[in-house]
Protein backbone atom coordinates (compact mmCIF):
# COMPACT_ATOMS: atom_id res chain seq x y z
CA UNK A 1 0.02 0.02 0.00
CA UNK A 2 1.36 3.42 -0.97
CA UNK A 3 2.08 6.09 1.67
CA UNK A 4 -0.78 8.19 0.22
CA UNK A 5 -3.20 5.29 0.62
CA UNK A 6 -2.10 4.80 4.25
CA UNK A 7 -2.66 8.53 4.96
CA UNK A 8 -6.08 8.43 3.31
CA UNK A 9 -7.15 5.74 5.87
CA UNK A 10 -6.23 7.83 8.88
CA UNK A 11 -8.97 9.07 11.30
CA UNK A 12 -8.51 12.41 13.02
CA UNK A 13 -8.46 10.58 16.32
CA UNK A 14 -5.17 8.95 15.21
CA UNK A 15 -3.63 12.44 15.19
CA UNK A 16 -5.08 13.30 18.61
CA UNK A 17 -4.04 10.17 20.49
CA UNK A 18 -0.35 11.22 20.79
CA UNK A 19 -1.40 14.62 22.13
CA UNK A 20 -3.47 13.29 25.06
CA UNK A 21 -0.48 13.37 27.44
CA UNK A 22 1.15 16.54 26.09
CA UNK A 23 1.22 19.15 28.89
CA UNK A 24 3.73 21.45 27.14
CA UNK A 25 2.04 22.38 23.81
CA UNK A 26 -1.53 23.36 23.19
CA UNK A 27 -3.94 26.20 22.50
CA UNK A 28 -3.13 29.91 22.95
CA UNK A 29 -5.90 32.43 23.05
CA UNK A 30 -5.29 36.02 24.15
CA UNK A 31 -3.51 35.60 27.54
CA UNK A 32 -4.89 32.08 28.09
CA UNK A 33 -3.17 28.73 27.41
CA UNK A 34 -4.54 25.23 27.61
CA UNK A 35 -2.27 22.28 27.02
CA UNK A 36 -3.31 19.57 24.57
CA UNK A 37 -3.65 17.28 27.58
CA UNK A 38 -6.20 19.52 29.28
CA UNK A 39 -7.83 20.56 26.01
CA UNK A 40 -8.70 16.95 25.07
CA UNK A 41 -9.94 16.21 28.57
CA UNK A 42 -12.34 19.18 28.31
CA UNK A 43 -13.32 17.96 24.80
CA UNK A 44 -14.33 14.55 26.27
CA UNK A 45 -16.33 16.38 28.95
CA UNK A 46 -18.20 18.39 26.31
CA UNK A 47 -18.77 15.24 24.23
CA UNK A 48 -20.46 13.63 27.29
CA UNK A 49 -22.63 16.72 27.84
CA UNK A 50 -23.76 16.71 24.21
CA UNK A 51 -24.44 12.97 24.41
CA UNK A 52 -26.70 13.65 27.38
CA UNK A 53 -28.90 16.21 25.57
CA UNK A 54 -28.99 14.85 21.99
CA UNK A 55 -31.86 12.56 20.99
CA UNK A 56 -30.62 9.10 19.82
CA UNK A 57 -33.48 8.98 17.30
CA UNK A 58 -32.21 12.01 15.31
CA UNK A 59 -28.94 12.78 13.59
CA UNK A 60 -26.44 13.91 16.30
CA UNK A 61 -25.84 17.22 14.54
CA UNK A 62 -24.74 20.25 16.57
CA UNK A 63 -24.59 23.67 14.98
CA UNK A 64 -21.66 25.93 16.01
CA UNK A 65 -21.91 29.68 15.57
CA UNK A 66 -18.71 30.92 17.17
CA UNK A 67 -15.64 32.92 16.16
CA UNK A 68 -12.22 31.32 16.55
CA UNK A 69 -12.34 30.77 20.30
CA UNK A 70 -11.14 27.83 22.45
CA UNK A 71 -14.70 26.50 22.68
CA UNK A 72 -14.81 25.92 18.92
CA UNK A 73 -11.57 23.96 19.15
CA UNK A 74 -12.94 21.97 22.06
CA UNK A 75 -16.11 21.12 20.11
CA UNK A 76 -14.12 19.98 17.08
CA UNK A 77 -12.02 17.64 19.24
CA UNK A 78 -15.18 16.49 21.06
CA UNK A 79 -16.84 15.60 17.77
CA UNK A 80 -13.80 13.69 16.67
CA UNK A 81 -13.85 11.54 19.83
CA UNK A 82 -17.60 10.85 19.74
CA UNK A 83 -20.55 10.34 17.44
CA UNK A 84 -21.32 14.12 17.39
CA UNK A 85 -21.35 15.81 13.99
CA UNK A 86 -20.49 19.52 14.00
CA UNK A 87 -22.21 21.91 11.61
CA UNK A 88 -20.19 25.00 10.94
CA UNK A 89 -22.54 28.00 10.73
CA UNK A 90 -21.56 31.15 8.89
CA UNK A 91 -22.12 34.37 10.85
CA UNK A 92 -22.43 36.34 7.56
CA UNK A 93 -25.65 34.37 6.89
CA UNK A 94 -28.54 36.21 8.52
CA UNK A 95 -32.28 35.82 9.26
CA UNK A 96 -34.22 33.19 7.27
CA UNK A 97 -31.02 32.12 5.41
CA UNK A 98 -29.31 31.17 8.67
CA UNK A 99 -32.42 29.41 9.95
CA UNK A 100 -32.52 27.44 6.68
CA UNK A 101 -28.92 26.33 7.08
CA UNK A 102 -29.74 25.08 10.55
CA UNK A 103 -32.82 23.21 9.39
CA UNK A 104 -31.30 21.70 6.24
CA UNK A 105 -28.36 20.32 8.20
CA UNK A 106 -30.71 18.76 10.82
CA UNK A 107 -29.12 20.54 13.85
CA UNK A 108 -30.68 19.25 17.02
CA UNK A 109 -29.25 22.25 18.94
CA UNK A 110 -26.93 25.22 18.36
CA UNK A 111 -24.00 26.35 20.49
CA UNK A 112 -23.13 30.04 20.21
CA UNK A 113 -21.88 32.99 22.16
CA UNK A 114 -19.03 35.56 22.07
CA UNK A 115 -21.33 38.16 20.64
CA UNK A 116 -23.02 36.03 17.98
CA UNK A 117 -26.02 34.74 19.96
CA UNK A 118 -28.22 37.51 18.75
CA UNK A 119 -27.99 36.20 15.17
CA UNK A 120 -29.62 32.96 16.26
CA UNK A 121 -32.44 34.89 17.99
CA UNK A 122 -33.00 37.07 14.91
CA UNK A 123 -33.02 34.05 12.55
CA UNK A 124 -36.22 32.71 14.13
CA UNK A 125 -34.92 29.15 14.26
CA UNK A 126 -36.73 26.75 16.57
CA UNK A 127 -33.56 24.79 17.36
CA UNK A 128 -32.62 24.84 21.12
CA UNK A 129 -29.65 27.18 21.66
CA UNK A 130 -26.98 27.26 24.38
CA UNK A 131 -24.61 30.13 25.01
CA UNK A 132 -21.23 28.51 25.79
CA UNK A 133 -20.64 31.11 28.49
CA UNK A 134 -24.24 31.00 29.79
CA UNK A 135 -25.70 29.58 32.97
CA UNK A 136 -27.58 26.67 31.39
CA UNK A 137 -24.46 25.34 29.68
CA UNK A 138 -22.41 25.77 32.84
CA UNK A 139 -25.00 23.66 34.74
CA UNK A 140 -24.66 20.84 32.17
CA UNK A 141 -20.87 20.99 32.47
CA UNK A 142 -21.09 20.85 36.29
CA UNK A 143 -23.24 17.71 36.00
CA UNK A 144 -20.63 15.99 33.83
CA UNK A 145 -17.20 16.74 35.22
CA UNK A 146 -14.11 16.44 33.03
CA UNK A 147 -12.44 13.05 33.14
CA UNK A 148 -8.98 12.91 34.67
CA UNK A 149 -6.22 13.69 32.18
CA UNK A 150 -4.66 12.25 30.17
CA UNK A 151 -7.75 10.78 28.52
CA UNK A 152 -7.87 7.71 26.30
CA UNK A 153 -8.61 8.82 22.74
CA UNK A 154 -10.92 6.24 21.10
CA UNK A 155 -10.31 4.83 17.67
CA UNK A 156 -12.67 6.04 14.96
CA UNK A 157 -13.69 4.97 11.48
CA UNK A 158 -11.82 7.16 8.94
CA UNK A 159 -15.04 7.32 6.91
CA UNK A 160 -17.19 8.48 9.83
CA UNK A 161 -18.92 11.81 9.33
CA UNK A 162 -17.30 14.45 11.51
CA UNK A 163 -18.52 17.78 10.23
CA UNK A 164 -20.77 19.51 7.77
CA UNK A 165 -19.08 22.55 6.22
CA UNK A 166 -21.05 24.89 4.00
CA UNK A 167 -19.63 26.02 0.70
CA UNK A 168 -18.94 29.75 0.24
CA UNK A 169 -22.10 30.33 -1.79
CA UNK A 170 -20.43 32.80 -4.15
CA UNK A 171 -22.55 31.68 -7.09
CA UNK A 172 -25.66 30.28 -5.37
CA UNK A 173 -27.05 28.91 -2.12
CA UNK A 174 -24.39 27.26 0.11
CA UNK A 175 -24.36 23.44 0.14
CA UNK A 176 -23.35 21.40 3.21
CA UNK A 177 -20.30 19.29 2.39
CA UNK A 178 -19.95 15.97 4.26
CA UNK A 179 -16.47 15.93 5.83
CA UNK A 180 -15.22 12.63 7.19
CA UNK A 181 -12.55 12.00 9.80
CA UNK A 182 -10.12 11.07 6.99
CA UNK A 183 -10.62 14.37 5.15
CA UNK A 184 -9.09 16.25 8.05
CA UNK A 185 -6.53 13.63 9.00
CA UNK A 186 -5.20 12.92 5.51
CA UNK A 187 -4.64 16.58 4.73
CA UNK A 188 -3.18 17.37 8.16
CA UNK A 189 -0.73 14.52 8.08
CA UNK A 190 0.35 15.25 4.51
CA UNK A 191 0.86 18.98 5.12
CA UNK A 192 2.58 18.51 8.36
CA UNK A 193 5.07 16.21 6.70
CA UNK A 194 5.46 18.36 3.68
CA UNK A 195 6.18 21.52 5.74
CA UNK A 196 8.01 19.77 8.56
CA UNK A 197 5.63 20.98 11.20
CA UNK A 198 6.70 19.76 14.63
CA UNK A 199 6.47 20.46 18.35
CA UNK A 200 8.53 23.64 18.05
CA UNK A 201 6.00 25.22 15.65
CA UNK A 202 3.08 27.52 16.45
CA UNK A 203 0.19 27.43 13.93
CA UNK A 204 -1.81 30.61 13.63
CA UNK A 205 -5.52 30.32 13.04
CA UNK A 206 -7.33 33.52 12.04
CA UNK A 207 -9.30 32.21 9.07
CA UNK A 208 -12.86 31.34 10.24
CA UNK A 209 -13.08 27.84 11.75
CA UNK A 210 -16.58 27.26 10.28
CA UNK A 211 -14.75 27.00 6.95
CA UNK A 212 -12.60 24.08 5.76
CA UNK A 213 -9.41 26.07 5.21
CA UNK A 214 -8.80 26.75 8.94
CA UNK A 215 -9.59 23.19 10.10
CA UNK A 216 -7.90 21.25 7.28
CA UNK A 217 -4.92 23.47 6.52
CA UNK A 218 -4.47 24.81 10.08
CA UNK A 219 -5.92 22.94 13.07
CA UNK A 220 -5.35 19.47 11.64
CA UNK A 221 -1.80 20.35 10.56
CA UNK A 222 -0.97 21.42 14.11
CA UNK A 223 -2.47 18.18 15.53
CA UNK A 224 -0.53 16.06 13.09
CA UNK A 225 2.74 17.77 13.92
CA UNK A 226 2.18 18.03 17.70
CA UNK A 227 2.42 21.86 17.35
CA UNK A 228 0.73 24.56 19.35
CA UNK A 229 -2.11 26.74 17.98
CA UNK A 230 -2.59 30.47 18.38
CA UNK A 231 -6.21 31.43 17.96
CA UNK A 232 -7.36 34.85 16.71
CA UNK A 233 -11.16 35.47 16.91
CA UNK A 234 -11.19 36.83 13.43
CA UNK A 235 -8.61 37.96 10.90
CA UNK A 236 -7.03 41.35 11.44
CA UNK A 237 -4.39 42.65 9.07
CA UNK A 238 -3.23 45.20 11.63
CA UNK A 239 -3.03 42.54 14.36
CA UNK A 240 -1.20 39.99 12.32
CA UNK A 241 2.36 41.25 13.00
CA UNK A 242 1.72 41.63 16.72
CA UNK A 243 0.37 38.13 17.01
CA UNK A 244 3.30 36.62 15.17
CA UNK A 245 5.66 38.24 17.62
CA UNK A 246 3.48 37.55 20.66
CA UNK A 247 3.07 33.81 20.11
CA UNK A 248 6.12 32.99 18.09
CA UNK A 249 4.05 31.98 15.09
CA UNK A 250 5.89 29.86 12.49
CA UNK A 251 3.05 28.78 10.18
CA UNK A 252 -0.21 30.38 9.13
CA UNK A 253 -2.95 29.43 6.63
CA UNK A 254 -4.96 31.80 4.57
CA UNK A 255 -7.65 31.89 1.90
CA UNK A 256 -8.50 34.79 -0.40
CA UNK A 257 -6.86 38.18 0.16
CA UNK A 258 -5.33 38.26 3.66
CA UNK A 259 -1.79 38.54 2.30
CA UNK A 260 -2.82 41.57 0.32
CA UNK A 261 -4.47 43.23 3.38
CA UNK A 262 -1.40 42.53 5.56
CA UNK A 263 0.82 44.16 2.98
CA UNK A 264 -1.22 47.34 3.22
CA UNK A 265 -0.11 47.77 6.87
CA UNK A 266 3.07 49.78 7.66
CA UNK A 267 6.20 47.83 7.29
CA UNK A 268 8.36 47.32 10.39
CA UNK A 269 12.15 47.16 10.42
CA UNK A 270 12.17 43.70 11.98
CA UNK A 271 9.36 42.05 9.85
CA UNK A 272 11.90 39.74 8.19
CA UNK A 273 13.37 38.71 11.56
CA UNK A 274 10.21 37.24 13.15
CA UNK A 275 9.64 33.53 13.71
CA UNK A 276 7.26 33.24 10.74
CA UNK A 277 8.58 30.78 8.18
CA UNK A 278 5.60 29.67 6.08
CA UNK A 279 2.24 30.85 4.79
CA UNK A 280 0.00 28.28 3.09
CA UNK A 281 -3.29 28.94 1.33
CA UNK A 282 -4.82 29.79 -2.01
CA UNK A 283 -5.92 32.69 -4.19
CA UNK A 284 -2.99 35.04 -3.42
CA UNK A 285 -1.68 36.92 -6.44
CA UNK A 286 1.89 36.40 -7.66
CA UNK A 287 2.75 39.94 -6.78
CA UNK A 288 1.49 39.63 -3.23
CA UNK A 289 3.31 36.32 -2.77
CA UNK A 290 6.59 37.84 -3.89
CA UNK A 291 6.18 40.98 -1.77
CA UNK A 292 5.17 39.01 1.32
CA UNK A 293 8.29 36.79 1.00
CA UNK A 294 10.48 39.88 0.59
CA UNK A 295 8.97 41.66 3.54
CA UNK A 296 8.66 38.81 6.07
CA UNK A 297 11.31 36.45 4.87
CA UNK A 298 8.71 33.67 4.94
CA UNK A 299 7.94 31.15 2.20
CA UNK A 300 4.50 31.49 0.67
CA UNK A 301 2.90 28.35 -0.79
CA UNK A 302 -0.25 28.90 -2.75
CA UNK A 303 -2.27 25.74 -3.58
CA UNK A 304 -5.52 24.85 -5.27
CA UNK A 305 -8.34 22.99 -3.71
CA UNK A 306 -11.88 23.23 -2.32
CA UNK A 307 -14.04 22.30 0.63
CA UNK A 308 -15.24 19.26 -1.24
CA UNK A 309 -11.70 17.89 -1.54
CA UNK A 310 -12.05 16.27 -4.94
CA UNK A 311 -9.00 17.91 -6.52
CA UNK A 312 -5.75 19.32 -5.29
CA UNK A 313 -2.99 20.96 -7.31
CA UNK A 314 0.35 21.72 -5.58
CA UNK A 315 2.89 24.34 -6.68
CA UNK A 316 6.49 23.22 -7.24
CA UNK A 317 9.59 25.44 -7.18
CA UNK A 318 9.60 25.58 -10.98
CA UNK A 319 5.90 26.57 -11.29
CA UNK A 320 5.45 29.93 -13.06
CA UNK A 321 4.16 32.77 -10.82
CA UNK A 322 0.81 32.85 -12.57
CA UNK A 323 0.20 29.10 -12.59
CA UNK A 324 -1.31 26.74 -10.03
CA UNK A 325 1.18 23.90 -10.48
CA UNK A 326 2.06 21.04 -12.84
CA UNK A 327 -0.70 18.97 -14.33
CA UNK A 328 -0.49 15.54 -12.75
CA UNK A 329 -2.97 12.69 -13.08
CA UNK A 330 -5.69 11.99 -12.15
CA UNK A 331 -6.19 15.78 -12.42
CA UNK A 332 -7.09 16.79 -15.97
CA UNK A 333 -8.42 19.82 -17.87
CA UNK A 334 -11.26 18.70 -20.14
CA UNK A 335 -14.09 19.88 -22.31
CA UNK A 336 -17.10 20.04 -19.92
CA UNK A 337 -19.39 18.45 -22.39
CA UNK A 338 -17.28 15.65 -23.92
CA UNK A 339 -14.81 15.15 -20.99
CA UNK A 340 -12.03 14.95 -23.57
CA UNK A 341 -8.74 16.52 -22.58
CA UNK A 342 -8.43 19.93 -24.22
CA UNK A 343 -5.31 21.07 -26.13
CA UNK A 344 -2.67 23.29 -24.54
CA UNK A 345 -3.84 26.85 -24.27
CA UNK A 346 -7.52 25.97 -24.45
CA UNK A 347 -9.79 26.68 -21.47
CA UNK A 348 -11.57 23.68 -19.98
CA UNK A 349 -12.85 22.38 -16.66
CA UNK A 350 -10.44 21.13 -14.01
CA UNK A 351 -11.55 17.62 -12.99
CA UNK A 352 -10.42 14.49 -11.14
CA UNK A 353 -10.60 11.88 -13.83
CA UNK A 354 -10.42 9.00 -11.29
CA UNK A 355 -13.60 9.89 -9.48
CA UNK A 356 -14.59 11.47 -6.22
CA UNK A 357 -11.20 11.76 -4.46
CA UNK A 358 -11.90 12.93 -0.88
CA UNK A 359 -15.37 14.21 -1.77
CA UNK A 360 -17.92 12.57 0.51
CA UNK A 361 -20.99 14.18 -1.05
CA UNK A 362 -23.38 16.93 -0.01
CA UNK A 363 -25.73 16.38 2.89
CA UNK A 364 -29.35 15.84 1.92
CA UNK A 365 -28.64 16.91 -1.67
CA UNK A 366 -28.29 13.85 -3.90
CA UNK A 367 -28.96 15.88 -7.02
CA UNK A 368 -26.07 18.26 -6.34
CA UNK A 369 -23.80 15.32 -5.41
CA UNK A 370 -24.64 13.55 -8.65
CA UNK A 371 -24.02 16.74 -10.67
CA UNK A 372 -20.59 17.09 -9.00
CA UNK A 373 -19.76 13.54 -10.11
CA UNK A 374 -21.33 13.69 -13.50
CA UNK A 375 -19.72 11.50 -16.06
CA UNK A 376 -17.76 9.60 -13.43
CA UNK A 377 -15.39 12.52 -12.94
CA UNK A 378 -15.22 14.84 -9.96
CA UNK A 379 -16.18 18.18 -11.50
CA UNK A 380 -14.64 21.19 -9.75
CA UNK A 381 -16.70 23.77 -11.59
CA UNK A 382 -13.39 25.63 -12.01
CA UNK A 383 -11.92 26.60 -15.36
CA UNK A 384 -8.31 26.21 -16.29
CA UNK A 385 -5.84 25.84 -19.14
CA UNK A 386 -2.55 24.08 -19.49
CA UNK A 387 0.48 25.78 -21.00
CA UNK A 388 3.00 24.16 -23.34
CA UNK A 389 5.26 23.30 -20.38
CA UNK A 390 2.40 21.37 -18.62
CA UNK A 391 1.46 23.85 -15.93
CA UNK A 392 -2.18 24.52 -15.01
CA UNK A 393 -3.50 28.08 -14.97
CA UNK A 394 -6.74 29.10 -13.28
CA UNK A 395 -9.36 30.76 -15.53
CA UNK A 396 -12.37 31.29 -13.22
CA UNK A 397 -15.53 29.35 -12.45
CA UNK A 398 -17.73 27.60 -14.96
CA UNK A 399 -20.44 30.02 -14.04
CA UNK A 400 -18.03 32.81 -14.93
CA UNK A 401 -17.33 31.39 -18.40
CA UNK A 402 -17.74 34.09 -20.99
CA UNK A 403 -18.61 33.39 -24.59
CA UNK A 404 -17.53 36.20 -26.85
CA UNK A 405 -17.84 35.88 -30.61
CA UNK A 406 -18.13 32.14 -30.25
CA UNK A 407 -14.98 31.80 -28.06
CA UNK A 408 -14.95 30.67 -24.42
CA UNK A 409 -13.06 32.94 -22.13
CA UNK A 410 -12.22 32.72 -18.40
CA UNK A 411 -12.64 35.70 -16.11
CA UNK A 412 -9.52 35.27 -13.91
CA UNK A 413 -6.87 36.02 -16.57
CA UNK A 414 -8.69 39.29 -17.36
CA UNK A 415 -8.81 40.19 -13.67
CA UNK A 416 -5.10 39.52 -13.28
CA UNK A 417 -4.31 41.96 -16.07
CA UNK A 418 -6.66 44.64 -14.77
CA UNK A 419 -5.00 44.50 -11.30
CA UNK A 420 -1.75 45.67 -12.82
CA UNK A 421 -3.15 49.20 -13.07
CA UNK A 422 -1.85 51.11 -10.09
CA UNK A 423 -5.20 52.64 -9.37
CA UNK A 424 -7.25 49.42 -9.52
CA UNK A 425 -7.42 48.18 -5.93
CA UNK A 426 -9.72 45.25 -6.75
CA UNK A 427 -11.97 44.01 -9.57
CA UNK A 428 -14.43 41.39 -10.71
CA UNK A 429 -15.04 40.41 -14.30
CA UNK A 430 -18.32 38.81 -15.48
CA UNK A 431 -20.45 38.25 -18.55
CA UNK A 432 -23.06 40.77 -19.63
CA UNK A 433 -25.60 38.71 -21.66
CA UNK A 434 -26.44 39.98 -25.11
CA UNK A 435 -28.77 38.60 -27.81
CA UNK A 436 -25.92 36.34 -28.95
CA UNK A 437 -23.11 35.63 -26.46
CA UNK A 438 -21.71 37.95 -23.86
CA UNK A 439 -19.94 41.25 -23.52
CA UNK A 440 -17.17 41.52 -20.95
CA UNK A 441 -18.20 43.40 -17.86
CA UNK A 442 -15.87 44.67 -15.15
CA UNK A 443 -16.57 46.10 -11.69
CA UNK A 444 -13.55 48.07 -10.54
CA UNK A 445 -12.64 49.41 -7.10
CA UNK A 446 -10.44 52.19 -8.43
CA UNK A 447 -10.63 55.59 -6.68
CA UNK A 448 -9.73 58.44 -9.03
CA UNK A 449 -9.54 56.28 -12.18
CA UNK A 450 -10.35 58.12 -15.37
CA UNK A 451 -11.66 56.70 -18.65
CA UNK A 452 -8.58 57.94 -20.45
CA UNK A 453 -6.27 56.23 -18.02
CA UNK A 454 -8.19 52.95 -18.32
CA UNK A 455 -8.38 52.90 -22.10
CA UNK A 456 -4.70 53.78 -22.44
CA UNK A 457 -3.78 51.03 -20.03
CA UNK A 458 -5.92 48.43 -21.80
CA UNK A 459 -4.39 49.31 -25.16
CA UNK A 460 -0.89 48.83 -23.75
CA UNK A 461 -1.47 45.28 -22.44
CA UNK A 462 0.10 43.01 -25.00
CA UNK A 463 -1.40 39.88 -23.35
CA UNK A 464 -4.98 41.18 -23.29
CA UNK A 465 -6.74 39.74 -26.37
CA UNK A 466 -9.24 41.88 -28.26
CA UNK A 467 -12.15 39.65 -27.05
CA UNK A 468 -10.96 39.91 -23.38
CA UNK A 469 -11.19 43.68 -23.38
CA UNK A 470 -14.00 44.98 -21.04
CA UNK A 471 -16.76 46.76 -22.84
CA UNK A 472 -18.95 47.66 -19.85
CA UNK A 473 -17.24 49.09 -16.78
CA UNK A 474 -18.67 50.03 -13.37
CA UNK A 475 -16.65 52.01 -10.75
CA UNK A 476 -17.73 50.73 -7.33
CA UNK A 477 -16.73 51.51 -3.73
CA UNK A 478 -16.23 47.84 -2.84
CA UNK A 479 -17.04 44.25 -3.83
CA UNK A 480 -19.39 42.16 -1.74
CA UNK A 481 -17.37 39.32 -0.18
CA UNK A 482 -17.83 36.14 1.75
CA UNK A 483 -16.23 35.61 5.19
CA UNK A 484 -13.25 34.07 3.39
CA UNK A 485 -12.81 37.11 1.06
CA UNK A 486 -14.35 35.63 -2.07
CA UNK A 487 -16.46 37.91 -4.23
CA UNK A 488 -20.19 37.22 -4.11
CA UNK A 489 -20.64 37.57 -7.88
CA UNK A 490 -24.35 37.02 -8.05
CA UNK A 491 -24.96 39.68 -5.45
CA UNK A 492 -22.55 42.07 -7.15
CA UNK A 493 -24.12 41.71 -10.60
CA UNK A 494 -27.66 42.21 -9.36
CA UNK A 495 -26.60 45.39 -7.48
CA UNK A 496 -25.14 47.12 -10.54
CA UNK A 497 -27.10 49.73 -12.47
CA UNK A 498 -26.01 51.55 -15.62
CA UNK A 499 -22.29 51.12 -16.49
CA UNK A 500 -20.02 54.03 -15.55
CA UNK A 501 -18.39 53.70 -18.99
CA UNK A 502 -19.13 51.75 -22.09
CA UNK A 503 -16.09 51.00 -24.26
CA UNK A 504 -16.24 50.07 -27.97
CA UNK A 505 -15.26 46.49 -28.70
CA UNK A 506 -11.93 45.80 -30.36
CA UNK A 507 -12.09 43.10 -32.99
């Protein structure tokens, strides 16, 4: 059996068992510290409490609406060591939408607090709710004292359901992804080995823990390496440098634009002398990766993946700055209709040609699961193209696919070019439907930009094809984003009125 196959059969509990007696490393939060030994004992206490209040005739699903606080970490470990299934609830979802997430995921109860409890009240959900700092929860804990440490970590089935994590919902309603024990353990063990994470490391978690990035590329990596964790309630660009120095952070994960936001803060003379050695995540621009490495002296590794876990592409040292990584089977770039591999330079869909990979399906959504696995391939819904050297380049989402004059175009290459303009802070490109095909639309966050400056810039970009040139442009104050800094395209497009400028097409 290959090492990869062995890793894929790990349960998260296999990573926790060696930590049960560790009294030196653990969880930092503000001025507090709990060793792994005590943290896992508390987790077993909370698992017993949940077992006492959950009905055995219903799915043992517990909604969690919390920022990155020790209680969230306790609950994740508690679920790993019991039959409880956590449901990560997104605090940017409000009202009926949040109530619908709770109902669709069959939450028997919801645990909240740290300023987020009001969102549950406002949602109108009928699910019982406990504030983790409230009197009722404290009474339950008192009735079920923590077991003496170190605890015995039980073995678990790697395929056992551990958590439901909702997709970002950038192009539609979020779907609850089934996440097994192995999904966290396999990634954690692989990344800890790849980046040589060990007991001397401190893993920084500021990405939201209701999302897969923090738990898979952060928490599980720390557990696999026996490292400590420094929790930040929510990401703060201005607080990043202070936290790195305060906790001796060596590794941090990110998703979206945190690197860019950090780089907007004032540079310090000792930034490159801190303990930070590695940043791992996705969606950072080549320019931001290079500048972050210069400023902080830390390696930045940008990967490609998703909550579903069906496809992963890893950068190598020789990967071009604007590429995701080398194309290696079973990953392929194919025509979405025929599933045939597309020629070099042609945009197609990025797929796993061997099947589901680590994708365990969507909860209570067989139709969406079947669509994701249509044709026997795992369909990412992401567009890409392969260059002559065999490297994969991201080209946007299938929903962002533009068809201009009969040619399929991805949005991401256009956005990358637009961001070169010094006054364009951020942008989103999308299709503007016409009677036949699309025009190229662009929403720009660009204070002070003039039409003359934009048209001159576009004309000077040798790698901007005539059909890629925006013909409808909106100047906006900001772009609506998810909690993980992804643009909510559907919300953006519906909010736009008449274009600020209409540019003639170049053919």
